[in-house]
Amino acid sequence: MARIVKRDRSSPYPVTIGAETKYICGCGLSKNQPFCDGTHKIAKDEPAAKLCWYDADNVCHAMEDAFPAMPLPAA
């Protein structure tokens, strides 16, 4: 599924409760929301606050700071 993402953070937020640490997605790309699945690694070289959309193959498509027409994913 395509996702529009404006990243301000390129790494997850660690949250520790008791002795267990979980990582909350900070990039908006995880398929296991709200938890991190490591997908942020594909965006590590992108500038922060860049607005783009990612297709089903996790390919980044740059956007202006608006919502222009965007192809919908196949069902």
C-alpha atoms as a PDB file:
ATOM      1  CA  MET A   1       0.000   0.000   0.000  1.00  0.00           C
ATOM      2  CA  ALA A   2       1.331   3.459  -0.862  1.00  0.00           C
ATOM      3  CA  ARG A   3       1.969   5.790   2.063  1.00  0.00           C
ATOM      4  CA  ILE A   4       2.569   9.516   2.224  1.00  0.00           C
ATOM      5  CA  VAL A   5       5.267  10.256   4.761  1.00  0.00           C
ATOM      6  CA  LYS A   6       6.782  13.482   6.055  1.00  0.00           C
ATOM      7  CA  ARG A   7       9.705  12.426   8.200  1.00  0.00           C
ATOM      8  CA  ASP A   8      11.100  14.514  10.983  1.00  0.00           C
ATOM      9  CA  ARG A   9      12.879  11.545  12.518  1.00  0.00           C
ATOM     10  CA  SER A  10      14.814   8.709  10.910  1.00  0.00           C
ATOM     11  CA  SER A  11      15.072   6.376  13.871  1.00  0.00           C
ATOM     12  CA  PRO A  12      12.623   4.739  16.288  1.00  0.00           C
ATOM     13  CA  TYR A  13      11.665   5.952  19.757  1.00  0.00           C
ATOM     14  CA  PRO A  14      12.774   3.511  22.477  1.00  0.00           C
ATOM     15  CA  VAL A  15      10.144   2.957  25.167  1.00  0.00           C
ATOM     16  CA  THR A  16      11.090   0.948  28.252  1.00  0.00           C
ATOM     17  CA  ILE A  17       8.463  -0.442  30.599  1.00  0.00           C
ATOM     18  CA  GLY A  18       9.912  -2.464  33.428  1.00  0.00           C
ATOM     19  CA  ALA A  19      12.724  -4.560  31.969  1.00  0.00           C
ATOM     20  CA  GLU A  20      11.294  -4.625  28.413  1.00  0.00           C
ATOM     21  CA  THR A  21      12.203  -2.118  25.689  1.00  0.00           C
ATOM     22  CA  LYS A  22      10.015  -1.694  22.602  1.00  0.00           C
ATOM     23  CA  TYR A  23      10.709   0.634  19.681  1.00  0.00           C
ATOM     24  CA  ILE A  24       8.015   2.932  18.309  1.00  0.00           C
ATOM     25  CA  CYS A  25       8.240   3.849  14.612  1.00  0.00           C
ATOM     26  CA  GLY A  26       9.565   7.356  14.085  1.00  0.00           C
ATOM     27  CA  CYS A  27       9.724   7.411  10.286  1.00  0.00           C
ATOM     28  CA  GLY A  28       6.157   6.408   9.373  1.00  0.00           C
ATOM     29  CA  LEU A  29       7.223   3.537   7.114  1.00  0.00           C
ATOM     30  CA  SER A  30       6.836   0.505   9.400  1.00  0.00           C
ATOM     31  CA  LYS A  31       4.287  -2.071   8.312  1.00  0.00           C
ATOM     32  CA  ASN A  32       4.005  -3.052  11.967  1.00  0.00           C
ATOM     33  CA  GLN A  33       2.686   0.303  13.266  1.00  0.00           C
ATOM     34  CA  PRO A  34       3.105   1.642  15.852  1.00  0.00           C
ATOM     35  CA  PHE A  35       6.207  -0.519  16.303  1.00  0.00           C
ATOM     36  CA  CYS A  36       9.458  -0.284  14.348  1.00  0.00           C
ATOM     37  CA  ASP A  37      10.200  -3.052  11.843  1.00  0.00           C
ATOM     38  CA  GLY A  38      13.542  -1.628  10.627  1.00  0.00           C
ATOM     39  CA  THR A  39      12.144  -0.082   7.432  1.00  0.00           C
ATOM     40  CA  HIS A  40      13.595   3.321   8.425  1.00  0.00           C
ATOM     41  CA  LYS A  41      16.939   2.032   7.119  1.00  0.00           C
ATOM     42  CA  ILE A  42      15.761   2.625   3.519  1.00  0.00           C
ATOM     43  CA  ALA A  43      15.336   6.335   4.277  1.00  0.00           C
ATOM     44  CA  LYS A  44      18.565   6.917   6.216  1.00  0.00           C
ATOM     45  CA  ASP A  45      20.126   9.146   3.532  1.00  0.00           C
ATOM     46  CA  GLU A  46      17.041  11.287   2.925  1.00  0.00           C
ATOM     47  CA  PRO A  47      16.850  14.781   4.395  1.00  0.00           C
ATOM     48  CA  ALA A  48      14.538  15.269   7.375  1.00  0.00           C
ATOM     49  CA  ALA A  49      11.127  16.878   6.761  1.00  0.00           C
ATOM     50  CA  LYS A  50      11.102  15.792   3.110  1.00  0.00           C
ATOM     51  CA  LEU A  51       7.572  15.048   1.891  1.00  0.00           C
ATOM     52  CA  CYS A  52       7.361  11.967  -0.300  1.00  0.00           C
ATOM     53  CA  TRP A  53       5.310   8.881  -0.924  1.00  0.00           C
ATOM     54  CA  TYR A  54       6.513   5.312  -0.946  1.00  0.00           C
ATOM     55  CA  ASP A  55       5.024   2.712  -3.261  1.00  0.00           C
ATOM     56  CA  ALA A  56       4.485  -0.965  -2.376  1.00  0.00           C
ATOM     57  CA  ASP A  57       8.137  -1.692  -3.246  1.00  0.00           C
ATOM     58  CA  ASN A  58       9.308   1.007  -0.791  1.00  0.00           C
ATOM     59  CA  VAL A  59      10.510   3.272  -3.593  1.00  0.00           C
ATOM     60  CA  CYS A  60      10.460   6.932  -2.587  1.00  0.00           C
ATOM     61  CA  HIS A  61       8.697   9.463  -4.854  1.00  0.00           C
ATOM     62  CA  ALA A  62       9.368  13.105  -3.964  1.00  0.00           C
ATOM     63  CA  MET A  63       6.424  15.488  -3.566  1.00  0.00           C
ATOM     64  CA  GLU A  64       5.934  19.194  -3.155  1.00  0.00           C
ATOM     65  CA  ASP A  65       4.569  20.278   0.216  1.00  0.00           C
ATOM     66  CA  ALA A  66       1.038  19.551  -0.994  1.00  0.00           C
ATOM     67  CA  PHE A  67      -1.071  16.575  -2.036  1.00  0.00           C
ATOM     68  CA  PRO A  68      -0.987  16.429  -5.835  1.00  0.00           C
ATOM     69  CA  ALA A  69      -2.696  13.603  -7.701  1.00  0.00           C
ATOM     70  CA  MET A  70      -1.132  10.300  -6.743  1.00  0.00           C
ATOM     71  CA  PRO A  71      -1.764   6.883  -8.306  1.00  0.00           C
ATOM     72  CA  LEU A  72      -3.717   4.539  -6.070  1.00  0.00           C
ATOM     73  CA  PRO A  73      -2.280   1.091  -5.344  1.00  0.00           C
ATOM     74  CA  ALA A  74      -3.824  -1.933  -7.043  1.00  0.00           C
ATOM     75  CA  ALA A  75      -6.373  -3.751  -4.904  1.00  0.00           C
END
